[in-house]
Amino acid sequence: MGYGGSRADAGKAVGRSHDGGIDGIIKEDRLGLDVIYIQAKRWEGTVPRPEIQKFAGALIGKKAKKGVFITTSTFSREAIEYANFTGNIVLINGETLARLMIEYDVGVSKVKSYDVKKIDTDYFDNGLK
């Protein structure tokens, strides 16, 4: 998505047990002057507000200005309202995540492609009347 220069330099996974609510860090620019903290959850149901509040607390603990909370599921209305209230947390639900993965070729592979053809009218205008 253009962060941190190359894909290899853009960020790193840091999530482990007792990770303090941070699963990854993205360098926002090539020099790493600003970072975006990531929380990723494979969730069965709707992600509730308390999960976003925990992430907001983790961001405060890191003195972070920006965070992205990613889930394979959806967010409750209250979670969305709280993230909007903080002004520094972006929520990415499963549908948006899938769209971004396809758009940026992350974790996907091309199975089939199609050529779309149109009539070349110039071909017929060059002496084939």
N, C-alpha and C. Protein backbone atom coordinates (compact mmCIF):
# COMPACT_ATOMS: atom_id res chain seq x y z
N MET A 1 0.83 -1.21 0.00
CA MET A 1 0.00 0.00 0.00
C MET A 1 0.86 1.26 0.00
N GLY A 2 2.16 1.08 -0.16
CA GLY A 2 3.03 2.24 -0.25
C GLY A 2 3.69 2.64 1.05
N TYR A 3 3.55 1.85 2.10
CA TYR A 3 4.16 2.19 3.37
C TYR A 3 5.60 1.72 3.43
N GLY A 4 6.45 2.50 4.04
CA GLY A 4 7.80 2.10 4.37
C GLY A 4 8.71 1.71 3.22
N GLY A 5 8.38 2.07 2.02
CA GLY A 5 9.22 1.69 0.88
C GLY A 5 8.83 0.34 0.34
N SER A 6 9.73 -0.64 0.41
CA SER A 6 9.44 -1.98 -0.11
C SER A 6 8.53 -2.73 0.84
N ARG A 7 7.93 -3.81 0.34
CA ARG A 7 7.05 -4.62 1.17
C ARG A 7 7.80 -5.19 2.37
N ALA A 8 9.05 -5.58 2.16
CA ALA A 8 9.85 -6.15 3.25
C ALA A 8 10.15 -5.11 4.34
N ASP A 9 10.31 -3.85 3.94
CA ASP A 9 10.64 -2.79 4.90
C ASP A 9 9.41 -2.14 5.54
N ALA A 10 8.24 -2.45 5.04
CA ALA A 10 7.04 -1.73 5.45
C ALA A 10 6.62 -2.00 6.89
N GLY A 11 6.88 -3.17 7.40
CA GLY A 11 6.44 -3.45 8.76
C GLY A 11 6.89 -4.81 9.24
N LYS A 12 6.43 -5.15 10.46
CA LYS A 12 6.79 -6.45 11.02
C LYS A 12 5.71 -6.91 11.99
N ALA A 13 5.63 -8.22 12.12
CA ALA A 13 4.71 -8.83 13.08
C ALA A 13 5.41 -8.89 14.43
N VAL A 14 4.71 -8.51 15.47
CA VAL A 14 5.31 -8.55 16.80
C VAL A 14 4.44 -9.30 17.79
N GLY A 15 3.25 -9.69 17.38
CA GLY A 15 2.30 -10.33 18.29
C GLY A 15 2.76 -11.67 18.81
N ARG A 16 2.69 -11.84 20.08
CA ARG A 16 2.99 -13.08 20.78
C ARG A 16 2.06 -13.11 22.00
N SER A 17 2.18 -14.14 22.81
CA SER A 17 1.45 -14.14 24.07
C SER A 17 1.91 -12.94 24.89
N HIS A 18 0.99 -12.31 25.52
CA HIS A 18 1.27 -11.13 26.35
C HIS A 18 1.93 -10.02 25.54
N ASP A 19 1.41 -9.79 24.32
CA ASP A 19 2.00 -8.78 23.44
C ASP A 19 1.53 -7.38 23.74
N GLY A 20 0.70 -7.23 24.76
CA GLY A 20 0.23 -5.91 25.13
C GLY A 20 -0.79 -5.35 24.15
N GLY A 21 -1.41 -6.23 23.37
CA GLY A 21 -2.46 -5.79 22.44
C GLY A 21 -1.96 -5.31 21.10
N ILE A 22 -0.70 -5.51 20.79
CA ILE A 22 -0.13 -5.07 19.51
C ILE A 22 0.36 -6.31 18.76
N ASP A 23 -0.13 -6.50 17.53
CA ASP A 23 0.27 -7.65 16.72
C ASP A 23 1.25 -7.30 15.62
N GLY A 24 1.32 -6.03 15.24
CA GLY A 24 2.22 -5.64 14.17
C GLY A 24 2.47 -4.16 14.17
N ILE A 25 3.52 -3.78 13.48
CA ILE A 25 3.90 -2.37 13.35
C ILE A 25 4.18 -2.09 11.89
N ILE A 26 3.60 -1.01 11.37
CA ILE A 26 3.84 -0.60 9.99
C ILE A 26 4.57 0.73 10.02
N LYS A 27 5.65 0.82 9.25
CA LYS A 27 6.34 2.10 9.07
C LYS A 27 5.52 2.92 8.08
N GLU A 28 5.10 4.08 8.50
CA GLU A 28 4.27 4.91 7.63
C GLU A 28 5.06 5.56 6.50
N ASP A 29 6.34 5.78 6.73
CA ASP A 29 7.19 6.39 5.70
C ASP A 29 8.48 5.59 5.60
N ARG A 30 9.27 5.87 4.59
CA ARG A 30 10.51 5.12 4.35
C ARG A 30 11.51 5.22 5.49
N LEU A 31 11.50 6.33 6.20
CA LEU A 31 12.45 6.54 7.29
C LEU A 31 11.97 5.99 8.63
N GLY A 32 10.71 5.59 8.68
CA GLY A 32 10.17 5.06 9.93
C GLY A 32 9.93 6.13 10.98
N LEU A 33 9.71 7.38 10.52
CA LEU A 33 9.49 8.49 11.45
C LEU A 33 8.16 8.37 12.19
N ASP A 34 7.20 7.73 11.55
CA ASP A 34 5.91 7.52 12.20
C ASP A 34 5.49 6.08 11.95
N VAL A 35 4.84 5.48 12.93
CA VAL A 35 4.42 4.09 12.81
C VAL A 35 2.93 3.95 13.09
N ILE A 36 2.37 2.89 12.55
CA ILE A 36 0.97 2.54 12.77
C ILE A 36 0.97 1.18 13.45
N TYR A 37 0.28 1.08 14.57
CA TYR A 37 0.21 -0.18 15.31
C TYR A 37 -1.02 -0.96 14.87
N ILE A 38 -0.85 -2.28 14.80
CA ILE A 38 -1.89 -3.18 14.29
C ILE A 38 -2.33 -4.16 15.37
N GLN A 39 -3.64 -4.39 15.42
CA GLN A 39 -4.21 -5.49 16.20
C GLN A 39 -5.01 -6.32 15.21
N ALA A 40 -4.77 -7.61 15.15
CA ALA A 40 -5.48 -8.49 14.22
C ALA A 40 -6.15 -9.60 15.01
N LYS A 41 -7.44 -9.82 14.74
CA LYS A 41 -8.18 -10.85 15.45
C LYS A 41 -8.98 -11.70 14.48
N ARG A 42 -8.80 -13.01 14.59
CA ARG A 42 -9.67 -13.94 13.88
C ARG A 42 -10.84 -14.19 14.82
N TRP A 43 -11.95 -13.56 14.54
CA TRP A 43 -13.06 -13.51 15.47
C TRP A 43 -14.25 -14.28 14.91
N GLU A 44 -14.94 -15.02 15.76
CA GLU A 44 -16.12 -15.78 15.34
C GLU A 44 -17.36 -14.90 15.22
N GLY A 45 -17.61 -14.07 16.21
CA GLY A 45 -18.78 -13.20 16.20
C GLY A 45 -18.39 -11.76 15.96
N THR A 46 -19.30 -10.88 16.29
CA THR A 46 -19.07 -9.44 16.13
C THR A 46 -18.08 -8.96 17.20
N VAL A 47 -17.10 -8.17 16.78
CA VAL A 47 -16.13 -7.62 17.73
C VAL A 47 -16.82 -6.51 18.53
N PRO A 48 -16.84 -6.62 19.86
CA PRO A 48 -17.53 -5.62 20.68
C PRO A 48 -16.63 -4.44 21.04
N ARG A 49 -17.25 -3.42 21.56
CA ARG A 49 -16.55 -2.19 21.96
C ARG A 49 -15.39 -2.43 22.93
N PRO A 50 -15.54 -3.30 23.95
CA PRO A 50 -14.43 -3.48 24.89
C PRO A 50 -13.11 -3.90 24.21
N GLU A 51 -13.17 -4.63 23.12
CA GLU A 51 -11.94 -5.02 22.41
C GLU A 51 -11.26 -3.80 21.80
N ILE A 52 -12.05 -2.87 21.30
CA ILE A 52 -11.49 -1.64 20.73
C ILE A 52 -10.93 -0.76 21.85
N GLN A 53 -11.61 -0.76 22.97
CA GLN A 53 -11.11 0.01 24.12
C GLN A 53 -9.76 -0.54 24.61
N LYS A 54 -9.62 -1.87 24.63
CA LYS A 54 -8.33 -2.47 25.03
C LYS A 54 -7.23 -2.06 24.06
N PHE A 55 -7.55 -2.06 22.77
CA PHE A 55 -6.57 -1.66 21.77
C PHE A 55 -6.21 -0.19 21.93
N ALA A 56 -7.20 0.64 22.21
CA ALA A 56 -6.94 2.07 22.44
C ALA A 56 -5.99 2.24 23.62
N GLY A 57 -6.18 1.43 24.68
CA GLY A 57 -5.28 1.47 25.83
C GLY A 57 -3.87 1.04 25.46
N ALA A 58 -3.77 0.02 24.60
CA ALA A 58 -2.44 -0.44 24.14
C ALA A 58 -1.74 0.66 23.34
N LEU A 59 -2.51 1.40 22.54
CA LEU A 59 -1.93 2.50 21.77
C LEU A 59 -1.40 3.59 22.71
N ILE A 60 -2.17 3.89 23.74
CA ILE A 60 -1.73 4.89 24.72
C ILE A 60 -0.43 4.43 25.39
N GLY A 61 -0.37 3.14 25.72
CA GLY A 61 0.82 2.57 26.34
C GLY A 61 2.06 2.68 25.46
N LYS A 62 1.88 2.70 24.16
CA LYS A 62 2.99 2.83 23.21
C LYS A 62 3.21 4.28 22.77
N LYS A 63 2.39 5.19 23.31
CA LYS A 63 2.42 6.60 22.90
C LYS A 63 2.20 6.71 21.39
N ALA A 64 1.32 5.84 20.88
CA ALA A 64 1.06 5.77 19.45
C ALA A 64 0.00 6.78 19.04
N LYS A 65 0.16 7.29 17.83
CA LYS A 65 -0.80 8.24 17.28
C LYS A 65 -1.85 7.55 16.42
N LYS A 66 -1.53 6.35 15.89
CA LYS A 66 -2.42 5.70 14.93
C LYS A 66 -2.46 4.20 15.14
N GLY A 67 -3.65 3.63 14.91
CA GLY A 67 -3.80 2.19 15.02
C GLY A 67 -4.82 1.66 14.02
N VAL A 68 -4.64 0.42 13.64
CA VAL A 68 -5.58 -0.27 12.76
C VAL A 68 -5.96 -1.58 13.43
N PHE A 69 -7.26 -1.79 13.57
CA PHE A 69 -7.77 -3.02 14.16
C PHE A 69 -8.42 -3.82 13.04
N ILE A 70 -7.87 -5.01 12.78
CA ILE A 70 -8.32 -5.85 11.67
C ILE A 70 -9.00 -7.09 12.23
N THR A 71 -10.14 -7.45 11.64
CA THR A 71 -10.81 -8.68 12.01
C THR A 71 -11.32 -9.40 10.77
N THR A 72 -11.47 -10.70 10.88
CA THR A 72 -12.08 -11.48 9.81
C THR A 72 -13.59 -11.41 9.90
N SER A 73 -14.09 -10.81 10.94
CA SER A 73 -15.51 -10.74 11.22
C SER A 73 -16.06 -9.34 10.96
N THR A 74 -16.91 -8.88 11.85
CA THR A 74 -17.50 -7.54 11.77
C THR A 74 -17.35 -6.85 13.12
N PHE A 75 -17.67 -5.57 13.15
CA PHE A 75 -17.61 -4.78 14.38
C PHE A 75 -19.02 -4.39 14.81
N SER A 76 -19.24 -4.35 16.12
CA SER A 76 -20.53 -3.88 16.62
C SER A 76 -20.65 -2.38 16.36
N ARG A 77 -21.87 -1.89 16.38
CA ARG A 77 -22.12 -0.46 16.19
C ARG A 77 -21.37 0.34 17.25
N GLU A 78 -21.38 -0.16 18.49
CA GLU A 78 -20.70 0.53 19.59
C GLU A 78 -19.18 0.56 19.37
N ALA A 79 -18.62 -0.52 18.82
CA ALA A 79 -17.19 -0.56 18.54
C ALA A 79 -16.83 0.47 17.47
N ILE A 80 -17.66 0.56 16.44
CA ILE A 80 -17.44 1.54 15.37
C ILE A 80 -17.53 2.96 15.91
N GLU A 81 -18.54 3.22 16.74
CA GLU A 81 -18.70 4.55 17.32
C GLU A 81 -17.50 4.91 18.19
N TYR A 82 -17.00 3.95 18.97
CA TYR A 82 -15.86 4.23 19.85
C TYR A 82 -14.61 4.52 19.03
N ALA A 83 -14.37 3.72 17.99
CA ALA A 83 -13.20 3.95 17.13
C ALA A 83 -13.27 5.33 16.49
N ASN A 84 -14.45 5.71 16.03
CA ASN A 84 -14.63 7.04 15.44
C ASN A 84 -14.39 8.13 16.48
N PHE A 85 -14.82 7.88 17.72
CA PHE A 85 -14.63 8.84 18.81
C PHE A 85 -13.15 9.07 19.10
N THR A 86 -12.36 7.99 19.05
CA THR A 86 -10.93 8.14 19.35
C THR A 86 -10.23 8.98 18.28
N GLY A 87 -10.67 8.84 17.05
CA GLY A 87 -10.08 9.60 15.96
C GLY A 87 -8.74 9.08 15.47
N ASN A 88 -8.23 8.01 16.09
CA ASN A 88 -6.93 7.49 15.66
C ASN A 88 -6.92 5.98 15.42
N ILE A 89 -8.11 5.37 15.41
CA ILE A 89 -8.21 3.92 15.15
C ILE A 89 -9.06 3.70 13.91
N VAL A 90 -8.49 2.97 12.95
CA VAL A 90 -9.22 2.57 11.75
C VAL A 90 -9.61 1.11 11.92
N LEU A 91 -10.87 0.80 11.61
CA LEU A 91 -11.36 -0.57 11.70
C LEU A 91 -11.45 -1.18 10.30
N ILE A 92 -10.94 -2.39 10.17
CA ILE A 92 -11.03 -3.12 8.90
C ILE A 92 -11.72 -4.44 9.18
N ASN A 93 -12.94 -4.59 8.62
CA ASN A 93 -13.68 -5.84 8.82
C ASN A 93 -13.28 -6.88 7.78
N GLY A 94 -13.83 -8.08 7.88
CA GLY A 94 -13.47 -9.17 7.00
C GLY A 94 -13.68 -8.88 5.53
N GLU A 95 -14.78 -8.23 5.20
CA GLU A 95 -15.07 -7.91 3.80
C GLU A 95 -14.04 -6.94 3.23
N THR A 96 -13.74 -5.90 3.98
CA THR A 96 -12.73 -4.92 3.54
C THR A 96 -11.36 -5.56 3.47
N LEU A 97 -11.05 -6.42 4.44
CA LEU A 97 -9.77 -7.12 4.45
C LEU A 97 -9.60 -7.95 3.17
N ALA A 98 -10.63 -8.69 2.80
CA ALA A 98 -10.57 -9.51 1.59
C ALA A 98 -10.36 -8.65 0.36
N ARG A 99 -11.06 -7.53 0.29
CA ARG A 99 -10.93 -6.61 -0.84
C ARG A 99 -9.49 -6.06 -0.93
N LEU A 100 -8.93 -5.68 0.19
CA LEU A 100 -7.56 -5.15 0.21
C LEU A 100 -6.54 -6.23 -0.16
N MET A 101 -6.76 -7.44 0.32
CA MET A 101 -5.85 -8.54 -0.01
C MET A 101 -5.83 -8.79 -1.52
N ILE A 102 -6.99 -8.75 -2.14
CA ILE A 102 -7.07 -8.95 -3.59
C ILE A 102 -6.42 -7.78 -4.32
N GLU A 103 -6.75 -6.57 -3.91
CA GLU A 103 -6.23 -5.37 -4.57
C GLU A 103 -4.70 -5.30 -4.52
N TYR A 104 -4.11 -5.68 -3.38
CA TYR A 104 -2.66 -5.54 -3.20
C TYR A 104 -1.91 -6.87 -3.32
N ASP A 105 -2.59 -7.92 -3.79
CA ASP A 105 -1.97 -9.23 -3.99
C ASP A 105 -1.25 -9.75 -2.75
N VAL A 106 -1.92 -9.69 -1.63
CA VAL A 106 -1.37 -10.19 -0.37
C VAL A 106 -2.14 -11.44 0.04
N GLY A 107 -1.45 -12.55 0.12
CA GLY A 107 -2.09 -13.79 0.55
C GLY A 107 -3.04 -14.39 -0.46
N VAL A 108 -2.94 -13.97 -1.70
CA VAL A 108 -3.80 -14.51 -2.76
C VAL A 108 -2.92 -14.91 -3.95
N SER A 109 -3.43 -15.80 -4.78
CA SER A 109 -2.72 -16.15 -6.00
C SER A 109 -3.72 -16.18 -7.15
N LYS A 110 -3.24 -15.79 -8.31
CA LYS A 110 -4.08 -15.72 -9.50
C LYS A 110 -4.35 -17.14 -9.99
N VAL A 111 -5.61 -17.46 -10.22
CA VAL A 111 -6.00 -18.77 -10.70
C VAL A 111 -6.23 -18.74 -12.20
N LYS A 112 -6.87 -17.69 -12.69
CA LYS A 112 -7.19 -17.60 -14.10
C LYS A 112 -7.32 -16.14 -14.47
N SER A 113 -6.92 -15.80 -15.68
CA SER A 113 -7.13 -14.44 -16.17
C SER A 113 -7.79 -14.52 -17.54
N TYR A 114 -8.42 -13.45 -17.93
CA TYR A 114 -9.15 -13.40 -19.18
C TYR A 114 -8.69 -12.21 -20.01
N ASP A 115 -8.64 -12.41 -21.33
CA ASP A 115 -8.39 -11.31 -22.24
C ASP A 115 -9.73 -10.79 -22.71
N VAL A 116 -9.90 -9.51 -22.66
CA VAL A 116 -11.12 -8.88 -23.18
C VAL A 116 -10.72 -8.19 -24.47
N LYS A 117 -11.40 -8.52 -25.56
CA LYS A 117 -11.03 -7.98 -26.87
C LYS A 117 -12.13 -7.08 -27.40
N LYS A 118 -11.71 -6.15 -28.26
CA LYS A 118 -12.65 -5.25 -28.92
C LYS A 118 -12.29 -5.22 -30.40
N ILE A 119 -13.21 -4.81 -31.20
CA ILE A 119 -12.97 -4.69 -32.64
C ILE A 119 -12.01 -3.54 -32.89
N ASP A 120 -10.98 -3.78 -33.72
CA ASP A 120 -10.01 -2.77 -34.10
C ASP A 120 -10.47 -2.15 -35.42
N THR A 121 -11.19 -1.05 -35.34
CA THR A 121 -11.74 -0.43 -36.55
C THR A 121 -10.66 0.11 -37.47
N ASP A 122 -9.50 0.47 -36.94
CA ASP A 122 -8.39 0.94 -37.79
C ASP A 122 -7.96 -0.16 -38.77
N TYR A 123 -8.01 -1.38 -38.35
CA TYR A 123 -7.64 -2.51 -39.21
C TYR A 123 -8.49 -2.52 -40.47
N PHE A 124 -9.78 -2.26 -40.30
CA PHE A 124 -10.70 -2.29 -41.43
C PHE A 124 -10.65 -1.02 -42.27
N ASP A 125 -10.17 0.08 -41.69
CA ASP A 125 -10.07 1.35 -42.42
C ASP A 125 -8.85 1.41 -43.32
N ASN A 126 -7.90 0.50 -43.21
CA ASN A 126 -6.66 0.52 -43.96
C ASN A 126 -6.74 -0.34 -45.23
N GLY A 127 -7.60 0.02 -46.14
CA GLY A 127 -7.66 -0.63 -47.44
C GLY A 127 -8.53 -1.85 -47.54
N LEU A 128 -9.24 -2.20 -46.53
CA LEU A 128 -10.10 -3.38 -46.59
C LEU A 128 -11.56 -2.96 -46.77
N LYS A 129 -11.81 -2.06 -47.67
CA LYS A 129 -13.20 -1.54 -47.87
C LYS A 129 -13.92 -2.34 -48.89
